[in-house]
Amino acid sequence: MAEEDLIHIWRGERLLLPDRPLGCHYRLRCLSGSGLIRVMSRSRPYRLKSAQSILIPADEVVTVSGSEDMVITLKPENKN
């Protein structure tokens, strides 16, 4: 079974997401709070709020900046 990471980000904090094994995508889901998700290959950040998610390729460099205190999960996405 795939492992899910639970990550806490405080308001004003910027966090670099951990490196992931290549070859799959990861689902970043916001459980509470809100913040900006910066995918380095994109020109604009994404605003992520509670109950929203984004699919991220494993080879991307991604930072999360908390606009509010946030709780997010990061889990490998199954591709069928």
C-alpha atoms as a PDB file:
ATOM      1  CA  MET A   1       0.000   0.000   0.000  1.00  0.00           C
ATOM      2  CA  ALA A   2       1.185   3.515  -0.810  1.00  0.00           C
ATOM      3  CA  GLU A   3       2.400   5.704   2.020  1.00  0.00           C
ATOM      4  CA  GLU A   4       0.821   9.092   2.700  1.00  0.00           C
ATOM      5  CA  ASP A   5       2.760  11.978   4.265  1.00  0.00           C
ATOM      6  CA  LEU A   6       0.971  14.410   6.594  1.00  0.00           C
ATOM      7  CA  ILE A   7       2.652  17.837   6.557  1.00  0.00           C
ATOM      8  CA  HIS A   8       1.945  20.888   8.758  1.00  0.00           C
ATOM      9  CA  ILE A   9       2.799  24.346   7.393  1.00  0.00           C
ATOM     10  CA  TRP A  10       2.430  27.446   9.539  1.00  0.00           C
ATOM     11  CA  ARG A  11       1.230  30.826   8.322  1.00  0.00           C
ATOM     12  CA  GLY A  12       4.115  32.621   6.590  1.00  0.00           C
ATOM     13  CA  GLU A  13       6.240  29.464   6.359  1.00  0.00           C
ATOM     14  CA  ARG A  14       7.625  28.242   3.025  1.00  0.00           C
ATOM     15  CA  LEU A  15       8.392  24.552   2.675  1.00  0.00           C
ATOM     16  CA  LEU A  16      10.167  22.619  -0.061  1.00  0.00           C
ATOM     17  CA  LEU A  17       8.351  19.324  -0.612  1.00  0.00           C
ATOM     18  CA  PRO A  18      10.524  16.221  -0.171  1.00  0.00           C
ATOM     19  CA  ASP A  19      12.089  14.416  -3.143  1.00  0.00           C
ATOM     20  CA  ARG A  20      10.003  11.563  -4.493  1.00  0.00           C
ATOM     21  CA  PRO A  21      10.863   8.444  -6.504  1.00  0.00           C
ATOM     22  CA  LEU A  22      10.503   9.148 -10.217  1.00  0.00           C
ATOM     23  CA  GLY A  23       7.939   7.488 -12.434  1.00  0.00           C
ATOM     24  CA  CYS A  24       4.625   8.457 -10.862  1.00  0.00           C
ATOM     25  CA  HIS A  25       2.493  11.420  -9.866  1.00  0.00           C
ATOM     26  CA  TYR A  26       1.624  12.586  -6.365  1.00  0.00           C
ATOM     27  CA  ARG A  27      -1.642  14.011  -5.058  1.00  0.00           C
ATOM     28  CA  LEU A  28      -1.172  17.046  -2.806  1.00  0.00           C
ATOM     29  CA  ARG A  29      -4.404  17.580  -0.852  1.00  0.00           C
ATOM     30  CA  CYS A  30      -5.146  20.462   1.513  1.00  0.00           C
ATOM     31  CA  LEU A  31      -6.999  19.249   4.613  1.00  0.00           C
ATOM     32  CA  SER A  32      -7.205  22.646   6.314  1.00  0.00           C
ATOM     33  CA  GLY A  33      -6.045  26.232   5.808  1.00  0.00           C
ATOM     34  CA  SER A  34      -4.823  27.696   2.518  1.00  0.00           C
ATOM     35  CA  GLY A  35      -1.636  28.606   0.744  1.00  0.00           C
ATOM     36  CA  LEU A  36       0.281  28.953  -2.505  1.00  0.00           C
ATOM     37  CA  ILE A  37       1.753  25.989  -4.342  1.00  0.00           C
ATOM     38  CA  ARG A  38       4.700  26.884  -6.571  1.00  0.00           C
ATOM     39  CA  VAL A  39       5.565  24.279  -9.205  1.00  0.00           C
ATOM     40  CA  MET A  40       8.903  25.509 -10.555  1.00  0.00           C
ATOM     41  CA  SER A  41       8.171  24.551 -14.173  1.00  0.00           C
ATOM     42  CA  ARG A  42       5.065  26.796 -14.158  1.00  0.00           C
ATOM     43  CA  SER A  43       5.079  30.573 -14.318  1.00  0.00           C
ATOM     44  CA  ARG A  44       2.300  31.123 -11.757  1.00  0.00           C
ATOM     45  CA  PRO A  45       1.578  29.627  -8.340  1.00  0.00           C
ATOM     46  CA  TYR A  46      -1.642  27.796  -7.526  1.00  0.00           C
ATOM     47  CA  ARG A  47      -3.873  28.904  -4.639  1.00  0.00           C
ATOM     48  CA  LEU A  48      -4.890  25.808  -2.693  1.00  0.00           C
ATOM     49  CA  LYS A  49      -7.701  25.888  -0.116  1.00  0.00           C
ATOM     50  CA  SER A  50      -9.172  23.324   2.220  1.00  0.00           C
ATOM     51  CA  ALA A  51     -10.618  20.240   0.428  1.00  0.00           C
ATOM     52  CA  GLN A  52      -8.765  21.046  -2.834  1.00  0.00           C
ATOM     53  CA  SER A  53      -5.983  18.991  -4.381  1.00  0.00           C
ATOM     54  CA  ILE A  54      -3.426  19.107  -7.176  1.00  0.00           C
ATOM     55  CA  LEU A  55      -1.620  16.346  -9.067  1.00  0.00           C
ATOM     56  CA  ILE A  56       2.173  16.790  -9.206  1.00  0.00           C
ATOM     57  CA  PRO A  57       4.710  14.842 -11.305  1.00  0.00           C
ATOM     58  CA  ALA A  58       7.431  13.325  -9.085  1.00  0.00           C
ATOM     59  CA  ASP A  59      10.230  15.096 -11.000  1.00  0.00           C
ATOM     60  CA  GLU A  60       8.914  18.599 -10.176  1.00  0.00           C
ATOM     61  CA  VAL A  61      10.428  20.928  -7.574  1.00  0.00           C
ATOM     62  CA  VAL A  62       7.522  22.233  -5.478  1.00  0.00           C
ATOM     63  CA  THR A  63       7.242  24.692  -2.604  1.00  0.00           C
ATOM     64  CA  VAL A  64       4.230  25.394  -0.397  1.00  0.00           C
ATOM     65  CA  SER A  65       3.761  28.781   1.293  1.00  0.00           C
ATOM     66  CA  GLY A  66       1.129  29.005   4.028  1.00  0.00           C
ATOM     67  CA  SER A  67      -1.284  31.943   3.786  1.00  0.00           C
ATOM     68  CA  GLU A  68      -2.900  30.387   6.869  1.00  0.00           C
ATOM     69  CA  ASP A  69      -1.808  27.459   9.012  1.00  0.00           C
ATOM     70  CA  MET A  70      -2.166  24.448   6.693  1.00  0.00           C
ATOM     71  CA  VAL A  71      -2.326  20.697   6.930  1.00  0.00           C
ATOM     72  CA  ILE A  72      -1.631  18.871   3.668  1.00  0.00           C
ATOM     73  CA  THR A  73      -1.181  15.281   2.592  1.00  0.00           C
ATOM     74  CA  LEU A  74       1.146  14.025  -0.121  1.00  0.00           C
ATOM     75  CA  LYS A  75       0.342  10.582  -1.508  1.00  0.00           C
ATOM     76  CA  PRO A  76       1.358   8.641  -4.628  1.00  0.00           C
ATOM     77  CA  GLU A  77      -1.449   8.613  -7.201  1.00  0.00           C
ATOM     78  CA  ASN A  78      -2.402   5.267  -8.701  1.00  0.00           C
ATOM     79  CA  LYS A  79      -2.559   5.325 -12.479  1.00  0.00           C
ATOM     80  CA  ASN A  80      -4.672   2.550 -14.027  1.00  0.00           C
END
